[in-house]
């Protein structure tokens, strides 16, 4: 299968290593990414076992290094919280 070329207003934020995140943590990461980058849509990239990054569309500008680091830090924090019995909210 050929991967489609992303739209001009789309971009990806890839992490240095995939992270184990449950579906609720993935939703939290997607929501955070949309707010931080002002993207119209965000979707985690990877498989059910590990998240390798995010695909963002409707970006008003390319994702800068600071936002990239912030997203990676937030994803790592989520993974750490999950490894210690949950996200900390209901």
PDB file of N, CA and C in Angstrom:
ATOM      1  N   UNK A   1       0.843  -1.172   0.000  1.00  0.00           N
ATOM      2  CA  UNK A   1       0.000   0.000   0.000  1.00  0.00           C
ATOM      3  C   UNK A   1       0.894   1.243   0.000  1.00  0.00           C
ATOM      4  N   UNK A   2       0.571   2.205  -0.827  1.00  0.00           N
ATOM      5  CA  UNK A   2       1.327   3.442  -0.930  1.00  0.00           C
ATOM      6  C   UNK A   2       0.784   4.460   0.051  1.00  0.00           C
ATOM      7  N   UNK A   3       1.673   5.080   0.794  1.00  0.00           N
ATOM      8  CA  UNK A   3       1.255   6.105   1.744  1.00  0.00           C
ATOM      9  C   UNK A   3       0.994   7.401   0.998  1.00  0.00           C
ATOM     10  N   UNK A   4      -0.147   8.007   1.316  1.00  0.00           N
ATOM     11  CA  UNK A   4      -0.506   9.257   0.670  1.00  0.00           C
ATOM     12  C   UNK A   4       0.373  10.387   1.173  1.00  0.00           C
ATOM     13  N   UNK A   5       0.623  11.341   0.301  1.00  0.00           N
ATOM     14  CA  UNK A   5       1.382  12.521   0.670  1.00  0.00           C
ATOM     15  C   UNK A   5       0.502  13.398   1.563  1.00  0.00           C
ATOM     16  N   UNK A   6       1.016  13.848   2.721  1.00  0.00           N
ATOM     17  CA  UNK A   6       0.187  14.687   3.590  1.00  0.00           C
ATOM     18  C   UNK A   6      -0.099  16.043   2.958  1.00  0.00           C
ATOM     19  N   UNK A   7      -1.189  16.644   3.378  1.00  0.00           N
ATOM     20  CA  UNK A   7      -1.557  17.974   2.892  1.00  0.00           C
ATOM     21  C   UNK A   7      -0.508  18.983   3.345  1.00  0.00           C
ATOM     22  N   UNK A   8      -0.483  20.120   2.694  1.00  0.00           N
ATOM     23  CA  UNK A   8       0.516  21.154   3.000  1.00  0.00           C
ATOM     24  C   UNK A   8       0.424  21.648   4.436  1.00  0.00           C
ATOM     25  N   UNK A   9      -0.775  21.605   5.023  1.00  0.00           N
ATOM     26  CA  UNK A   9      -0.926  22.102   6.397  1.00  0.00           C
ATOM     27  C   UNK A   9      -0.864  20.981   7.434  1.00  0.00           C
ATOM     28  N   UNK A  10      -0.255  19.850   7.057  1.00  0.00           N
ATOM     29  CA  UNK A  10      -0.097  18.724   7.975  1.00  0.00           C
ATOM     30  C   UNK A  10       1.375  18.547   8.337  1.00  0.00           C
ATOM     31  N   UNK A  11       1.600  17.890   9.450  1.00  0.00           N
ATOM     32  CA  UNK A  11       2.961  17.597   9.865  1.00  0.00           C
ATOM     33  C   UNK A  11       2.966  16.465  10.870  1.00  0.00           C
ATOM     34  N   UNK A  12       4.153  15.923  11.119  1.00  0.00           N
ATOM     35  CA  UNK A  12       4.284  14.848  12.089  1.00  0.00           C
ATOM     36  C   UNK A  12       5.303  15.228  13.147  1.00  0.00           C
ATOM     37  N   UNK A  13       5.011  14.802  14.358  1.00  0.00           N
ATOM     38  CA  UNK A  13       5.932  14.919  15.481  1.00  0.00           C
ATOM     39  C   UNK A  13       6.258  13.492  15.879  1.00  0.00           C
ATOM     40  N   UNK A  14       7.494  13.080  15.674  1.00  0.00           N
ATOM     41  CA  UNK A  14       7.897  11.720  16.002  1.00  0.00           C
ATOM     42  C   UNK A  14       8.760  11.728  17.255  1.00  0.00           C
ATOM     43  N   UNK A  15       8.554  10.736  18.107  1.00  0.00           N
ATOM     44  CA  UNK A  15       9.312  10.617  19.345  1.00  0.00           C
ATOM     45  C   UNK A  15      10.588   9.822  19.086  1.00  0.00           C
ATOM     46  N   UNK A  16      11.578   9.988  19.945  1.00  0.00           N
ATOM     47  CA  UNK A  16      12.842   9.272  19.776  1.00  0.00           C
ATOM     48  C   UNK A  16      12.660   7.773  19.973  1.00  0.00           C
ATOM     49  N   UNK A  17      11.703   7.394  20.803  1.00  0.00           N
ATOM     50  CA  UNK A  17      11.392   5.981  21.022  1.00  0.00           C
ATOM     51  C   UNK A  17       9.886   5.850  21.227  1.00  0.00           C
ATOM     52  N   UNK A  18       9.263   4.788  20.710  1.00  0.00           N
ATOM     53  CA  UNK A  18       7.830   4.584  20.915  1.00  0.00           C
ATOM     54  C   UNK A  18       7.496   4.455  22.405  1.00  0.00           C
ATOM     55  N   UNK A  19       6.289   4.896  22.762  1.00  0.00           N
ATOM     56  CA  UNK A  19       5.823   4.879  24.148  1.00  0.00           C
ATOM     57  C   UNK A  19       4.552   4.059  24.267  1.00  0.00           C
ATOM     58  N   UNK A  20       4.457   3.274  25.339  1.00  0.00           N
ATOM     59  CA  UNK A  20       3.250   2.500  25.612  1.00  0.00           C
ATOM     60  C   UNK A  20       2.222   3.427  26.244  1.00  0.00           C
ATOM     61  N   UNK A  21       1.138   3.694  25.517  1.00  0.00           N
ATOM     62  CA  UNK A  21       0.056   4.554  26.007  1.00  0.00           C
ATOM     63  C   UNK A  21      -1.284   3.869  25.757  1.00  0.00           C
ATOM     64  N   UNK A  22      -2.130   3.855  26.769  1.00  0.00           N
ATOM     65  CA  UNK A  22      -3.474   3.300  26.628  1.00  0.00           C
ATOM     66  C   UNK A  22      -4.315   4.243  25.767  1.00  0.00           C
ATOM     67  N   UNK A  23      -5.458   3.779  25.271  1.00  0.00           N
ATOM     68  CA  UNK A  23      -6.324   4.654  24.488  1.00  0.00           C
ATOM     69  C   UNK A  23      -6.696   5.970  25.200  1.00  0.00           C
ATOM     70  N   UNK A  24      -7.050   5.966  26.508  1.00  0.00           N
ATOM     71  CA  UNK A  24      -7.341   7.258  27.146  1.00  0.00           C
ATOM     72  C   UNK A  24      -6.137   8.212  27.156  1.00  0.00           C
ATOM     73  N   UNK A  25      -4.946   7.673  27.328  1.00  0.00           N
ATOM     74  CA  UNK A  25      -3.744   8.513  27.304  1.00  0.00           C
ATOM     75  C   UNK A  25      -3.481   9.041  25.899  1.00  0.00           C
ATOM     76  N   UNK A  26      -3.774   8.235  24.895  1.00  0.00           N
ATOM     77  CA  UNK A  26      -3.613   8.691  23.514  1.00  0.00           C
ATOM     78  C   UNK A  26      -4.565   9.847  23.210  1.00  0.00           C
ATOM     79  N   UNK A  27      -5.794   9.742  23.697  1.00  0.00           N
ATOM     80  CA  UNK A  27      -6.767  10.827  23.501  1.00  0.00           C
ATOM     81  C   UNK A  27      -6.281  12.097  24.205  1.00  0.00           C
ATOM     82  N   UNK A  28      -5.756  11.956  25.409  1.00  0.00           N
ATOM     83  CA  UNK A  28      -5.231  13.114  26.143  1.00  0.00           C
ATOM     84  C   UNK A  28      -4.082  13.759  25.368  1.00  0.00           C
ATOM     85  N   UNK A  29      -3.199  12.943  24.808  1.00  0.00           N
ATOM     86  CA  UNK A  29      -2.078  13.456  24.023  1.00  0.00           C
ATOM     87  C   UNK A  29      -2.567  14.166  22.764  1.00  0.00           C
ATOM     88  N   UNK A  30      -3.535  13.579  22.085  1.00  0.00           N
ATOM     89  CA  UNK A  30      -4.097  14.215  20.885  1.00  0.00           C
ATOM     90  C   UNK A  30      -4.746  15.554  21.227  1.00  0.00           C
ATOM     91  N   UNK A  31      -5.512  15.592  22.308  1.00  0.00           N
ATOM     92  CA  UNK A  31      -6.155  16.844  22.724  1.00  0.00           C
ATOM     93  C   UNK A  31      -5.106  17.906  23.045  1.00  0.00           C
ATOM     94  N   UNK A  32      -4.085  17.507  23.791  1.00  0.00           N
ATOM     95  CA  UNK A  32      -3.011  18.431  24.160  1.00  0.00           C
ATOM     96  C   UNK A  32      -2.310  18.965  22.910  1.00  0.00           C
ATOM     97  N   UNK A  33      -2.046  18.083  21.958  1.00  0.00           N
ATOM     98  CA  UNK A  33      -1.370  18.485  20.723  1.00  0.00           C
ATOM     99  C   UNK A  33      -2.202  19.479  19.925  1.00  0.00           C
ATOM    100  N   UNK A  34      -3.515  19.245  19.853  1.00  0.00           N
ATOM    101  CA  UNK A  34      -4.389  20.177  19.125  1.00  0.00           C
ATOM    102  C   UNK A  34      -4.349  21.567  19.757  1.00  0.00           C
ATOM    103  N   UNK A  35      -4.415  21.612  21.080  1.00  0.00           N
ATOM    104  CA  UNK A  35      -4.421  22.906  21.761  1.00  0.00           C
ATOM    105  C   UNK A  35      -3.058  23.589  21.620  1.00  0.00           C
ATOM    106  N   UNK A  36      -1.989  22.854  21.857  1.00  0.00           N
ATOM    107  CA  UNK A  36      -0.649  23.432  21.820  1.00  0.00           C
ATOM    108  C   UNK A  36      -0.288  23.980  20.442  1.00  0.00           C
ATOM    109  N   UNK A  37      -0.611  23.218  19.402  1.00  0.00           N
ATOM    110  CA  UNK A  37      -0.203  23.603  18.048  1.00  0.00           C
ATOM    111  C   UNK A  37      -1.286  24.346  17.274  1.00  0.00           C
ATOM    112  N   UNK A  38      -2.488  24.403  17.845  1.00  0.00           N
ATOM    113  CA  UNK A  38      -3.663  24.992  17.182  1.00  0.00           C
ATOM    114  C   UNK A  38      -4.018  24.244  15.894  1.00  0.00           C
ATOM    115  N   UNK A  39      -3.738  22.938  15.881  1.00  0.00           N
ATOM    116  CA  UNK A  39      -4.075  22.090  14.742  1.00  0.00           C
ATOM    117  C   UNK A  39      -5.574  21.799  14.753  1.00  0.00           C
ATOM    118  N   UNK A  40      -6.128  21.573  13.580  1.00  0.00           N
ATOM    119  CA  UNK A  40      -7.539  21.208  13.480  1.00  0.00           C
ATOM    120  C   UNK A  40      -7.761  19.758  13.897  1.00  0.00           C
ATOM    121  N   UNK A  41      -6.744  18.913  13.689  1.00  0.00           N
ATOM    122  CA  UNK A  41      -6.876  17.498  14.010  1.00  0.00           C
ATOM    123  C   UNK A  41      -5.518  16.926  14.416  1.00  0.00           C
ATOM    124  N   UNK A  42      -5.573  15.948  15.314  1.00  0.00           N
ATOM    125  CA  UNK A  42      -4.356  15.260  15.747  1.00  0.00           C
ATOM    126  C   UNK A  42      -4.680  13.783  15.917  1.00  0.00           C
ATOM    127  N   UNK A  43      -3.754  12.943  15.516  1.00  0.00           N
ATOM    128  CA  UNK A  43      -3.931  11.503  15.639  1.00  0.00           C
ATOM    129  C   UNK A  43      -2.591  10.867  16.000  1.00  0.00           C
ATOM    130  N   UNK A  44      -2.626   9.952  16.966  1.00  0.00           N
ATOM    131  CA  UNK A  44      -1.391   9.270  17.315  1.00  0.00           C
ATOM    132  C   UNK A  44      -0.958   8.365  16.169  1.00  0.00           C
ATOM    133  N   UNK A  45       0.354   8.173  16.053  1.00  0.00           N
ATOM    134  CA  UNK A  45       0.950   7.333  15.025  1.00  0.00           C
ATOM    135  C   UNK A  45       1.596   6.149  15.727  1.00  0.00           C
ATOM    136  N   UNK A  46       1.367   4.974  15.232  1.00  0.00           N
ATOM    137  CA  UNK A  46       1.941   3.765  15.812  1.00  0.00           C
ATOM    138  C   UNK A  46       0.937   2.643  15.746  1.00  0.00           C
ATOM    139  N   UNK A  47       1.003   1.772  16.749  1.00  0.00           N
ATOM    140  CA  UNK A  47       0.059   0.659  16.796  1.00  0.00           C
ATOM    141  C   UNK A  47      -0.533   0.569  18.201  1.00  0.00           C
ATOM    142  N   UNK A  48      -1.295  -0.483  18.452  1.00  0.00           N
ATOM    143  CA  UNK A  48      -1.953  -0.624  19.752  1.00  0.00           C
ATOM    144  C   UNK A  48      -0.961  -0.752  20.901  1.00  0.00           C
ATOM    145  N   UNK A  49       0.244  -1.212  20.615  1.00  0.00           N
ATOM    146  CA  UNK A  49       1.231  -1.443  21.668  1.00  0.00           C
ATOM    147  C   UNK A  49       2.082  -0.216  21.974  1.00  0.00           C
ATOM    148  N   UNK A  50       2.304   0.644  20.982  1.00  0.00           N
ATOM    149  CA  UNK A  50       3.210   1.771  21.202  1.00  0.00           C
ATOM    150  C   UNK A  50       2.892   2.936  20.277  1.00  0.00           C
ATOM    151  N   UNK A  51       3.036   4.130  20.818  1.00  0.00           N
ATOM    152  CA  UNK A  51       2.820   5.362  20.062  1.00  0.00           C
ATOM    153  C   UNK A  51       4.183   5.912  19.658  1.00  0.00           C
ATOM    154  N   UNK A  52       4.370   6.108  18.365  1.00  0.00           N
ATOM    155  CA  UNK A  52       5.638   6.603  17.846  1.00  0.00           C
ATOM    156  C   UNK A  52       5.649   8.115  17.679  1.00  0.00           C
ATOM    157  N   UNK A  53       4.471   8.739  17.703  1.00  0.00           N
ATOM    158  CA  UNK A  53       4.387  10.178  17.522  1.00  0.00           C
ATOM    159  C   UNK A  53       2.968  10.603  17.219  1.00  0.00           C
ATOM    160  N   UNK A  54       2.856  11.765  16.586  1.00  0.00           N
ATOM    161  CA  UNK A  54       1.555  12.346  16.256  1.00  0.00           C
ATOM    162  C   UNK A  54       1.532  12.829  14.815  1.00  0.00           C
ATOM    163  N   UNK A  55       0.385  12.697  14.174  1.00  0.00           N
ATOM    164  CA  UNK A  55       0.144  13.298  12.867  1.00  0.00           C
ATOM    165  C   UNK A  55      -0.843  14.438  13.105  1.00  0.00           C
ATOM    166  N   UNK A  56      -0.471  15.637  12.668  1.00  0.00           N
ATOM    167  CA  UNK A  56      -1.288  16.834  12.891  1.00  0.00           C
ATOM    168  C   UNK A  56      -1.707  17.424  11.558  1.00  0.00           C
ATOM    169  N   UNK A  57      -2.975  17.841  11.449  1.00  0.00           N
ATOM    170  CA  UNK A  57      -3.469  18.487  10.232  1.00  0.00           C
ATOM    171  C   UNK A  57      -4.174  19.784  10.592  1.00  0.00           C
ATOM    172  N   UNK A  58      -4.222  20.682   9.626  1.00  0.00           N
ATOM    173  CA  UNK A  58      -4.833  21.981   9.856  1.00  0.00           C
ATOM    174  C   UNK A  58      -3.935  22.871  10.704  1.00  0.00           C
ATOM    175  N   UNK A  59      -2.634  22.702  10.543  1.00  0.00           N
ATOM    176  CA  UNK A  59      -1.679  23.507  11.303  1.00  0.00           C
ATOM    177  C   UNK A  59      -1.592  24.924  10.729  1.00  0.00           C
ATOM    178  N   UNK A  60      -1.638  25.940  11.586  1.00  0.00           N
ATOM    179  CA  UNK A  60      -1.480  27.302  11.079  1.00  0.00           C
ATOM    180  C   UNK A  60      -0.026  27.608  10.725  1.00  0.00           C
ATOM    181  N   UNK A  61       0.915  26.834  11.285  1.00  0.00           N
ATOM    182  CA  UNK A  61       2.347  27.003  11.029  1.00  0.00           C
ATOM    183  C   UNK A  61       3.028  25.677  11.344  1.00  0.00           C
ATOM    184  N   UNK A  62       4.224  25.463  10.824  1.00  0.00           N
ATOM    185  CA  UNK A  62       4.943  24.223  11.161  1.00  0.00           C
ATOM    186  C   UNK A  62       5.184  24.132  12.672  1.00  0.00           C
ATOM    187  N   UNK A  63       5.272  22.906  13.165  1.00  0.00           N
ATOM    188  CA  UNK A  63       5.523  22.679  14.589  1.00  0.00           C
ATOM    189  C   UNK A  63       6.984  23.030  14.870  1.00  0.00           C
ATOM    190  N   UNK A  64       7.203  23.975  15.781  1.00  0.00           N
ATOM    191  CA  UNK A  64       8.573  24.379  16.089  1.00  0.00           C
ATOM    192  C   UNK A  64       9.214  23.420  17.097  1.00  0.00           C
ATOM    193  N   UNK A  65      10.514  23.592  17.304  1.00  0.00           N
ATOM    194  CA  UNK A  65      11.260  22.690  18.188  1.00  0.00           C
ATOM    195  C   UNK A  65      10.732  22.703  19.615  1.00  0.00           C
ATOM    196  N   UNK A  66      10.341  23.856  20.102  1.00  0.00           N
ATOM    197  CA  UNK A  66       9.837  23.966  21.477  1.00  0.00           C
ATOM    198  C   UNK A  66       8.553  23.169  21.648  1.00  0.00           C
ATOM    199  N   UNK A  67       7.629  23.289  20.699  1.00  0.00           N
ATOM    200  CA  UNK A  67       6.373  22.528  20.762  1.00  0.00           C
ATOM    201  C   UNK A  67       6.647  21.037  20.619  1.00  0.00           C
ATOM    202  N   UNK A  68       7.594  20.687  19.766  1.00  0.00           N
ATOM    203  CA  UNK A  68       7.959  19.276  19.589  1.00  0.00           C
ATOM    204  C   UNK A  68       8.447  18.706  20.918  1.00  0.00           C
ATOM    205  N   UNK A  69       9.343  19.418  21.600  1.00  0.00           N
ATOM    206  CA  UNK A  69       9.853  18.962  22.899  1.00  0.00           C
ATOM    207  C   UNK A  69       8.734  18.880  23.929  1.00  0.00           C
ATOM    208  N   UNK A  70       7.843  19.862  23.931  1.00  0.00           N
ATOM    209  CA  UNK A  70       6.730  19.883  24.875  1.00  0.00           C
ATOM    210  C   UNK A  70       5.827  18.669  24.672  1.00  0.00           C
ATOM    211  N   UNK A  71       5.521  18.343  23.434  1.00  0.00           N
ATOM    212  CA  UNK A  71       4.682  17.179  23.143  1.00  0.00           C
ATOM    213  C   UNK A  71       5.368  15.877  23.556  1.00  0.00           C
ATOM    214  N   UNK A  72       6.657  15.769  23.274  1.00  0.00           N
ATOM    215  CA  UNK A  72       7.403  14.570  23.662  1.00  0.00           C
ATOM    216  C   UNK A  72       7.452  14.450  25.187  1.00  0.00           C
ATOM    217  N   UNK A  73       7.671  15.563  25.876  1.00  0.00           N
ATOM    218  CA  UNK A  73       7.707  15.545  27.345  1.00  0.00           C
ATOM    219  C   UNK A  73       6.355  15.134  27.924  1.00  0.00           C
ATOM    220  N   UNK A  74       5.270  15.670  27.360  1.00  0.00           N
ATOM    221  CA  UNK A  74       3.937  15.326  27.837  1.00  0.00           C
ATOM    222  C   UNK A  74       3.650  13.844  27.613  1.00  0.00           C
ATOM    223  N   UNK A  75       4.035  13.327  26.450  1.00  0.00           N
ATOM    224  CA  UNK A  75       3.832  11.901  26.153  1.00  0.00           C
ATOM    225  C   UNK A  75       4.625  11.030  27.125  1.00  0.00           C
ATOM    226  N   UNK A  76       5.858  11.411  27.421  1.00  0.00           N
ATOM    227  CA  UNK A  76       6.672  10.656  28.381  1.00  0.00           C
ATOM    228  C   UNK A  76       6.051  10.701  29.775  1.00  0.00           C
ATOM    229  N   UNK A  77       5.530  11.861  30.155  1.00  0.00           N
ATOM    230  CA  UNK A  77       4.876  11.991  31.458  1.00  0.00           C
ATOM    231  C   UNK A  77       3.643  11.087  31.538  1.00  0.00           C
ATOM    232  N   UNK A  78       2.858  11.044  30.470  1.00  0.00           N
ATOM    233  CA  UNK A  78       1.693  10.157  30.436  1.00  0.00           C
ATOM    234  C   UNK A  78       2.118   8.698  30.580  1.00  0.00           C
ATOM    235  N   UNK A  79       3.154   8.305  29.842  1.00  0.00           N
ATOM    236  CA  UNK A  79       3.627   6.919  29.905  1.00  0.00           C
ATOM    237  C   UNK A  79       4.122   6.581  31.305  1.00  0.00           C
ATOM    238  N   UNK A  80       4.800   7.515  31.946  1.00  0.00           N
ATOM    239  CA  UNK A  80       5.296   7.288  33.301  1.00  0.00           C
ATOM    240  C   UNK A  80       4.142   7.145  34.285  1.00  0.00           C
ATOM    241  N   UNK A  81       3.143   8.016  34.176  1.00  0.00           N
ATOM    242  CA  UNK A  81       1.971   7.934  35.056  1.00  0.00           C
ATOM    243  C   UNK A  81       1.241   6.612  34.875  1.00  0.00           C
ATOM    244  N   UNK A  82       1.114   6.182  33.639  1.00  0.00           N
ATOM    245  CA  UNK A  82       0.411   4.921  33.380  1.00  0.00           C
ATOM    246  C   UNK A  82       1.169   3.738  33.956  1.00  0.00           C
ATOM    247  N   UNK A  83       2.485   3.802  33.929  1.00  0.00           N
ATOM    248  CA  UNK A  83       3.269   2.703  34.478  1.00  0.00           C
ATOM    249  C   UNK A  83       3.161   2.652  36.003  1.00  0.00           C
ATOM    250  N   UNK A  84       2.640   3.734  36.590  1.00  0.00           N
ATOM    251  CA  UNK A  84       2.459   3.798  38.054  1.00  0.00           C
ATOM    252  C   UNK A  84       0.973   3.769  38.419  1.00  0.00           C
ATOM    253  N   UNK A  85       0.213   2.943  37.721  1.00  0.00           N
ATOM    254  CA  UNK A  85      -1.203   2.715  38.042  1.00  0.00           C
ATOM    255  C   UNK A  85      -2.157   3.799  37.593  1.00  0.00           C
ATOM    256  N   UNK A  86      -2.051   4.255  36.406  1.00  0.00           N
ATOM    257  CA  UNK A  86      -3.077   5.102  35.852  1.00  0.00           C
ATOM    258  C   UNK A  86      -2.692   6.549  35.644  1.00  0.00           C
ATOM    259  N   UNK A  87      -3.601   7.263  35.002  1.00  0.00           N
ATOM    260  CA  UNK A  87      -3.361   8.646  34.636  1.00  0.00           C
ATOM    261  C   UNK A  87      -3.582   9.615  35.785  1.00  0.00           C
ATOM    262  N   UNK A  88      -4.301   9.194  36.807  1.00  0.00           N
ATOM    263  CA  UNK A  88      -4.526  10.080  37.926  1.00  0.00           C
ATOM    264  C   UNK A  88      -5.844  10.832  37.875  1.00  0.00           C
ATOM    265  N   UNK A  89      -6.691  10.487  36.924  1.00  0.00           N
ATOM    266  CA  UNK A  89      -8.025  11.068  36.876  1.00  0.00           C
ATOM    267  C   UNK A  89      -9.009   9.993  36.456  1.00  0.00           C
ATOM    268  N   UNK A  90     -10.286  10.280  36.603  1.00  0.00           N
ATOM    269  CA  UNK A  90     -11.331   9.304  36.249  1.00  0.00           C
ATOM    270  C   UNK A  90     -11.934   9.650  34.929  1.00  0.00           C
TER     271      UNK A  90
END
